[in-house]
């Protein structure tokens, strides 16, 4: 895995951790929610833009993605 792959993996992990803490979920609950709604793929696909945003904005964006 190259540097960009590592950066994306770290970013997705960061988002997962932030989301689970914000929503009071366990890690496995948050991961199931991300998997069910394609959040992990969404974050990885749009990493170039999303990684420049703050945590609060990202959490809102993830919520919006799940609602859709």
PDB file of N, CA and C in Angstrom:
ATOM      1  N   UNK A   1       0.855  -1.180   0.000  1.00  0.00           N
ATOM      2  CA  UNK A   1       0.000   0.000   0.000  1.00  0.00           C
ATOM      3  C   UNK A   1       0.894   1.233   0.000  1.00  0.00           C
ATOM      4  N   UNK A   2       0.595   2.151  -0.910  1.00  0.00           N
ATOM      5  CA  UNK A   2       1.370   3.372  -1.005  1.00  0.00           C
ATOM      6  C   UNK A   2       0.959   4.398   0.030  1.00  0.00           C
ATOM      7  N   UNK A   3       1.631   5.529  -0.007  1.00  0.00           N
ATOM      8  CA  UNK A   3       1.351   6.598   0.961  1.00  0.00           C
ATOM      9  C   UNK A   3      -0.092   7.077   0.870  1.00  0.00           C
ATOM     10  N   UNK A   4      -0.608   7.257  -0.356  1.00  0.00           N
ATOM     11  CA  UNK A   4      -1.986   7.722  -0.483  1.00  0.00           C
ATOM     12  C   UNK A   4      -2.964   6.706   0.108  1.00  0.00           C
ATOM     13  N   UNK A   5      -2.720   5.427  -0.116  1.00  0.00           N
ATOM     14  CA  UNK A   5      -3.571   4.388   0.465  1.00  0.00           C
ATOM     15  C   UNK A   5      -3.536   4.419   1.978  1.00  0.00           C
ATOM     16  N   UNK A   6      -2.353   4.634   2.528  1.00  0.00           N
ATOM     17  CA  UNK A   6      -2.219   4.740   3.984  1.00  0.00           C
ATOM     18  C   UNK A   6      -2.937   5.975   4.515  1.00  0.00           C
ATOM     19  N   UNK A   7      -2.823   7.074   3.792  1.00  0.00           N
ATOM     20  CA  UNK A   7      -3.500   8.311   4.196  1.00  0.00           C
ATOM     21  C   UNK A   7      -5.014   8.129   4.187  1.00  0.00           C
ATOM     22  N   UNK A   8      -5.530   7.455   3.169  1.00  0.00           N
ATOM     23  CA  UNK A   8      -6.972   7.223   3.074  1.00  0.00           C
ATOM     24  C   UNK A   8      -7.431   6.319   4.211  1.00  0.00           C
ATOM     25  N   UNK A   9      -6.676   5.273   4.486  1.00  0.00           N
ATOM     26  CA  UNK A   9      -7.008   4.358   5.574  1.00  0.00           C
ATOM     27  C   UNK A   9      -7.029   5.095   6.912  1.00  0.00           C
ATOM     28  N   UNK A  10      -6.045   5.933   7.154  1.00  0.00           N
ATOM     29  CA  UNK A  10      -5.997   6.717   8.379  1.00  0.00           C
ATOM     30  C   UNK A  10      -7.202   7.662   8.461  1.00  0.00           C
ATOM     31  N   UNK A  11      -7.553   8.307   7.356  1.00  0.00           N
ATOM     32  CA  UNK A  11      -8.679   9.235   7.313  1.00  0.00           C
ATOM     33  C   UNK A  11      -9.994   8.522   7.619  1.00  0.00           C
ATOM     34  N   UNK A  12     -10.215   7.385   6.987  1.00  0.00           N
ATOM     35  CA  UNK A  12     -11.447   6.629   7.229  1.00  0.00           C
ATOM     36  C   UNK A  12     -11.505   6.176   8.692  1.00  0.00           C
ATOM     37  N   UNK A  13     -10.389   5.737   9.230  1.00  0.00           N
ATOM     38  CA  UNK A  13     -10.339   5.338  10.642  1.00  0.00           C
ATOM     39  C   UNK A  13     -10.653   6.509  11.563  1.00  0.00           C
ATOM     40  N   UNK A  14     -10.100   7.668  11.246  1.00  0.00           N
ATOM     41  CA  UNK A  14     -10.373   8.878  12.024  1.00  0.00           C
ATOM     42  C   UNK A  14     -11.872   9.191  12.004  1.00  0.00           C
ATOM     43  N   UNK A  15     -12.474   9.149  10.820  1.00  0.00           N
ATOM     44  CA  UNK A  15     -13.905   9.445  10.696  1.00  0.00           C
ATOM     45  C   UNK A  15     -14.745   8.438  11.469  1.00  0.00           C
ATOM     46  N   UNK A  16     -14.386   7.182  11.392  1.00  0.00           N
ATOM     47  CA  UNK A  16     -15.108   6.141  12.124  1.00  0.00           C
ATOM     48  C   UNK A  16     -15.031   6.377  13.625  1.00  0.00           C
ATOM     49  N   UNK A  17     -13.845   6.675  14.129  1.00  0.00           N
ATOM     50  CA  UNK A  17     -13.670   6.944  15.561  1.00  0.00           C
ATOM     51  C   UNK A  17     -14.453   8.171  16.007  1.00  0.00           C
ATOM     52  N   UNK A  18     -14.374   9.234  15.232  1.00  0.00           N
ATOM     53  CA  UNK A  18     -15.104  10.456  15.579  1.00  0.00           C
ATOM     54  C   UNK A  18     -16.608  10.213  15.578  1.00  0.00           C
ATOM     55  N   UNK A  19     -17.077   9.488  14.576  1.00  0.00           N
ATOM     56  CA  UNK A  19     -18.504   9.231  14.442  1.00  0.00           C
ATOM     57  C   UNK A  19     -19.012   8.376  15.596  1.00  0.00           C
ATOM     58  N   UNK A  20     -18.283   7.338  15.943  1.00  0.00           N
ATOM     59  CA  UNK A  20     -18.737   6.465  17.033  1.00  0.00           C
ATOM     60  C   UNK A  20     -18.777   7.213  18.358  1.00  0.00           C
ATOM     61  N   UNK A  21     -17.808   8.078  18.593  1.00  0.00           N
ATOM     62  CA  UNK A  21     -17.806   8.853  19.838  1.00  0.00           C
ATOM     63  C   UNK A  21     -18.960   9.853  19.850  1.00  0.00           C
ATOM     64  N   UNK A  22     -19.211  10.505  18.716  1.00  0.00           N
ATOM     65  CA  UNK A  22     -20.281  11.493  18.643  1.00  0.00           C
ATOM     66  C   UNK A  22     -21.649  10.844  18.853  1.00  0.00           C
ATOM     67  N   UNK A  23     -21.837   9.649  18.323  1.00  0.00           N
ATOM     68  CA  UNK A  23     -23.136   8.979  18.373  1.00  0.00           C
ATOM     69  C   UNK A  23     -23.272   8.002  19.535  1.00  0.00           C
ATOM     70  N   UNK A  24     -22.204   7.814  20.304  1.00  0.00           N
ATOM     71  CA  UNK A  24     -22.255   6.882  21.427  1.00  0.00           C
ATOM     72  C   UNK A  24     -22.389   5.427  20.992  1.00  0.00           C
ATOM     73  N   UNK A  25     -21.737   5.085  19.892  1.00  0.00           N
ATOM     74  CA  UNK A  25     -21.783   3.733  19.356  1.00  0.00           C
ATOM     75  C   UNK A  25     -20.512   2.975  19.698  1.00  0.00           C
ATOM     76  N   UNK A  26     -20.596   1.658  19.681  1.00  0.00           N
ATOM     77  CA  UNK A  26     -19.377   0.855  19.776  1.00  0.00           C
ATOM     78  C   UNK A  26     -18.685   0.890  18.416  1.00  0.00           C
ATOM     79  N   UNK A  27     -17.453   0.454  18.397  1.00  0.00           N
ATOM     80  CA  UNK A  27     -16.729   0.407  17.128  1.00  0.00           C
ATOM     81  C   UNK A  27     -17.409  -0.500  16.120  1.00  0.00           C
ATOM     82  N   UNK A  28     -17.879  -1.655  16.577  1.00  0.00           N
ATOM     83  CA  UNK A  28     -18.526  -2.592  15.652  1.00  0.00           C
ATOM     84  C   UNK A  28     -19.862  -2.048  15.150  1.00  0.00           C
ATOM     85  N   UNK A  29     -20.606  -1.342  16.002  1.00  0.00           N
ATOM     86  CA  UNK A  29     -21.868  -0.733  15.566  1.00  0.00           C
ATOM     87  C   UNK A  29     -21.620   0.327  14.500  1.00  0.00           C
ATOM     88  N   UNK A  30     -20.630   1.168  14.736  1.00  0.00           N
ATOM     89  CA  UNK A  30     -20.310   2.219  13.773  1.00  0.00           C
ATOM     90  C   UNK A  30     -19.836   1.620  12.453  1.00  0.00           C
ATOM     91  N   UNK A  31     -19.008   0.589  12.528  1.00  0.00           N
ATOM     92  CA  UNK A  31     -18.505  -0.048  11.311  1.00  0.00           C
ATOM     93  C   UNK A  31     -19.642  -0.691  10.528  1.00  0.00           C
ATOM     94  N   UNK A  32     -20.569  -1.341  11.208  1.00  0.00           N
ATOM     95  CA  UNK A  32     -21.731  -1.936  10.529  1.00  0.00           C
ATOM     96  C   UNK A  32     -22.556  -0.859   9.835  1.00  0.00           C
ATOM     97  N   UNK A  33     -22.761   0.274  10.513  1.00  0.00           N
ATOM     98  CA  UNK A  33     -23.505   1.386   9.934  1.00  0.00           C
ATOM     99  C   UNK A  33     -22.785   1.930   8.703  1.00  0.00           C
ATOM    100  N   UNK A  34     -21.472   2.095   8.801  1.00  0.00           N
ATOM    101  CA  UNK A  34     -20.672   2.577   7.671  1.00  0.00           C
ATOM    102  C   UNK A  34     -20.766   1.589   6.504  1.00  0.00           C
ATOM    103  N   UNK A  35     -20.625   0.293   6.789  1.00  0.00           N
ATOM    104  CA  UNK A  35     -20.668  -0.718   5.737  1.00  0.00           C
ATOM    105  C   UNK A  35     -22.043  -0.772   5.079  1.00  0.00           C
ATOM    106  N   UNK A  36     -23.093  -0.756   5.884  1.00  0.00           N
ATOM    107  CA  UNK A  36     -24.468  -0.844   5.374  1.00  0.00           C
ATOM    108  C   UNK A  36     -24.794   0.313   4.430  1.00  0.00           C
ATOM    109  N   UNK A  37     -24.243   1.493   4.726  1.00  0.00           N
ATOM    110  CA  UNK A  37     -24.580   2.703   3.980  1.00  0.00           C
ATOM    111  C   UNK A  37     -23.491   3.163   3.011  1.00  0.00           C
ATOM    112  N   UNK A  38     -22.467   2.373   2.818  1.00  0.00           N
ATOM    113  CA  UNK A  38     -21.414   2.715   1.867  1.00  0.00           C
ATOM    114  C   UNK A  38     -20.576   3.917   2.268  1.00  0.00           C
ATOM    115  N   UNK A  39     -20.525   4.209   3.561  1.00  0.00           N
ATOM    116  CA  UNK A  39     -19.787   5.393   4.033  1.00  0.00           C
ATOM    117  C   UNK A  39     -18.289   5.237   3.807  1.00  0.00           C
ATOM    118  N   UNK A  40     -17.751   4.075   4.083  1.00  0.00           N
ATOM    119  CA  UNK A  40     -16.313   3.856   3.913  1.00  0.00           C
ATOM    120  C   UNK A  40     -15.906   4.095   2.460  1.00  0.00           C
ATOM    121  N   UNK A  41     -16.667   3.544   1.532  1.00  0.00           N
ATOM    122  CA  UNK A  41     -16.372   3.751   0.109  1.00  0.00           C
ATOM    123  C   UNK A  41     -16.504   5.222  -0.275  1.00  0.00           C
ATOM    124  N   UNK A  42     -17.541   5.874   0.241  1.00  0.00           N
ATOM    125  CA  UNK A  42     -17.755   7.302  -0.026  1.00  0.00           C
ATOM    126  C   UNK A  42     -16.568   8.129   0.462  1.00  0.00           C
ATOM    127  N   UNK A  43     -16.122   7.869   1.681  1.00  0.00           N
ATOM    128  CA  UNK A  43     -14.989   8.619   2.244  1.00  0.00           C
ATOM    129  C   UNK A  43     -13.714   8.387   1.444  1.00  0.00           C
ATOM    130  N   UNK A  44     -13.475   7.140   1.061  1.00  0.00           N
ATOM    131  CA  UNK A  44     -12.270   6.825   0.290  1.00  0.00           C
ATOM    132  C   UNK A  44     -12.331   7.453  -1.104  1.00  0.00           C
ATOM    133  N   UNK A  45     -13.486   7.369  -1.747  1.00  0.00           N
ATOM    134  CA  UNK A  45     -13.639   7.893  -3.103  1.00  0.00           C
ATOM    135  C   UNK A  45     -13.454   9.408  -3.155  1.00  0.00           C
ATOM    136  N   UNK A  46     -13.913  10.105  -2.123  1.00  0.00           N
ATOM    137  CA  UNK A  46     -13.870  11.565  -2.112  1.00  0.00           C
ATOM    138  C   UNK A  46     -12.821  12.112  -1.130  1.00  0.00           C
ATOM    139  N   UNK A  47     -11.839  11.290  -0.822  1.00  0.00           N
ATOM    140  CA  UNK A  47     -10.785  11.665   0.129  1.00  0.00           C
ATOM    141  C   UNK A  47     -10.139  13.000  -0.210  1.00  0.00           C
ATOM    142  N   UNK A  48      -9.828  13.227  -1.476  1.00  0.00           N
ATOM    143  CA  UNK A  48      -9.100  14.441  -1.870  1.00  0.00           C
ATOM    144  C   UNK A  48      -9.777  15.714  -1.382  1.00  0.00           C
ATOM    145  N   UNK A  49     -11.098  15.737  -1.417  1.00  0.00           N
ATOM    146  CA  UNK A  49     -11.847  16.915  -0.969  1.00  0.00           C
ATOM    147  C   UNK A  49     -12.161  16.830   0.521  1.00  0.00           C
ATOM    148  N   UNK A  50     -12.626  15.666   0.961  1.00  0.00           N
ATOM    149  CA  UNK A  50     -13.128  15.533   2.327  1.00  0.00           C
ATOM    150  C   UNK A  50     -12.051  15.690   3.402  1.00  0.00           C
ATOM    151  N   UNK A  51     -10.840  15.233   3.134  1.00  0.00           N
ATOM    152  CA  UNK A  51      -9.822  15.265   4.193  1.00  0.00           C
ATOM    153  C   UNK A  51      -9.402  16.695   4.572  1.00  0.00           C
ATOM    154  N   UNK A  52      -9.824  17.663   3.789  1.00  0.00           N
ATOM    155  CA  UNK A  52      -9.481  19.056   4.111  1.00  0.00           C
ATOM    156  C   UNK A  52     -10.511  19.705   5.037  1.00  0.00           C
ATOM    157  N   UNK A  53     -11.592  18.991   5.335  1.00  0.00           N
ATOM    158  CA  UNK A  53     -12.674  19.543   6.150  1.00  0.00           C
ATOM    159  C   UNK A  53     -12.459  19.223   7.628  1.00  0.00           C
ATOM    160  N   UNK A  54     -13.100  19.994   8.487  1.00  0.00           N
ATOM    161  CA  UNK A  54     -13.018  19.768   9.919  1.00  0.00           C
ATOM    162  C   UNK A  54     -13.904  18.614  10.360  1.00  0.00           C
ATOM    163  N   UNK A  55     -13.669  18.134  11.563  1.00  0.00           N
ATOM    164  CA  UNK A  55     -14.388  16.968  12.081  1.00  0.00           C
ATOM    165  C   UNK A  55     -15.898  17.204  12.153  1.00  0.00           C
ATOM    166  N   UNK A  56     -16.329  18.369  12.620  1.00  0.00           N
ATOM    167  CA  UNK A  56     -17.768  18.644  12.740  1.00  0.00           C
ATOM    168  C   UNK A  56     -18.430  18.610  11.367  1.00  0.00           C
ATOM    169  N   UNK A  57     -17.793  19.201  10.383  1.00  0.00           N
ATOM    170  CA  UNK A  57     -18.341  19.198   9.022  1.00  0.00           C
ATOM    171  C   UNK A  57     -18.418  17.775   8.486  1.00  0.00           C
ATOM    172  N   UNK A  58     -17.368  16.986   8.732  1.00  0.00           N
ATOM    173  CA  UNK A  58     -17.352  15.597   8.266  1.00  0.00           C
ATOM    174  C   UNK A  58     -18.479  14.782   8.890  1.00  0.00           C
ATOM    175  N   UNK A  59     -18.723  14.966  10.189  1.00  0.00           N
ATOM    176  CA  UNK A  59     -19.783  14.221  10.865  1.00  0.00           C
ATOM    177  C   UNK A  59     -21.151  14.572  10.270  1.00  0.00           C
ATOM    178  N   UNK A  60     -21.343  15.840   9.964  1.00  0.00           N
ATOM    179  CA  UNK A  60     -22.595  16.268   9.324  1.00  0.00           C
ATOM    180  C   UNK A  60     -22.706  15.656   7.930  1.00  0.00           C
ATOM    181  N   UNK A  61     -21.622  15.654   7.183  1.00  0.00           N
ATOM    182  CA  UNK A  61     -21.621  15.094   5.835  1.00  0.00           C
ATOM    183  C   UNK A  61     -21.907  13.584   5.870  1.00  0.00           C
ATOM    184  N   UNK A  62     -21.330  12.887   6.828  1.00  0.00           N
ATOM    185  CA  UNK A  62     -21.586  11.454   6.969  1.00  0.00           C
ATOM    186  C   UNK A  62     -23.069  11.217   7.287  1.00  0.00           C
ATOM    187  N   UNK A  63     -23.623  12.008   8.193  1.00  0.00           N
ATOM    188  CA  UNK A  63     -25.056  11.896   8.502  1.00  0.00           C
ATOM    189  C   UNK A  63     -25.900  12.106   7.245  1.00  0.00           C
ATOM    190  N   UNK A  64     -25.553  13.110   6.465  1.00  0.00           N
ATOM    191  CA  UNK A  64     -26.284  13.383   5.223  1.00  0.00           C
ATOM    192  C   UNK A  64     -26.173  12.209   4.246  1.00  0.00           C
ATOM    193  N   UNK A  65     -24.991  11.646   4.148  1.00  0.00           N
ATOM    194  CA  UNK A  65     -24.783  10.500   3.248  1.00  0.00           C
ATOM    195  C   UNK A  65     -25.645   9.320   3.702  1.00  0.00           C
ATOM    196  N   UNK A  66     -25.692   9.073   4.999  1.00  0.00           N
ATOM    197  CA  UNK A  66     -26.495   7.964   5.524  1.00  0.00           C
ATOM    198  C   UNK A  66     -27.988   8.213   5.275  1.00  0.00           C
ATOM    199  N   UNK A  67     -28.432   9.431   5.427  1.00  0.00           N
ATOM    200  CA  UNK A  67     -29.853   9.753   5.182  1.00  0.00           C
ATOM    201  C   UNK A  67     -30.271   9.489   3.737  1.00  0.00           C
ATOM    202  N   UNK A  68     -29.331   9.701   2.807  1.00  0.00           N
ATOM    203  CA  UNK A  68     -29.636   9.492   1.395  1.00  0.00           C
ATOM    204  C   UNK A  68     -29.696   8.022   1.137  1.00  0.00           C
TER     205      UNK A  68
END
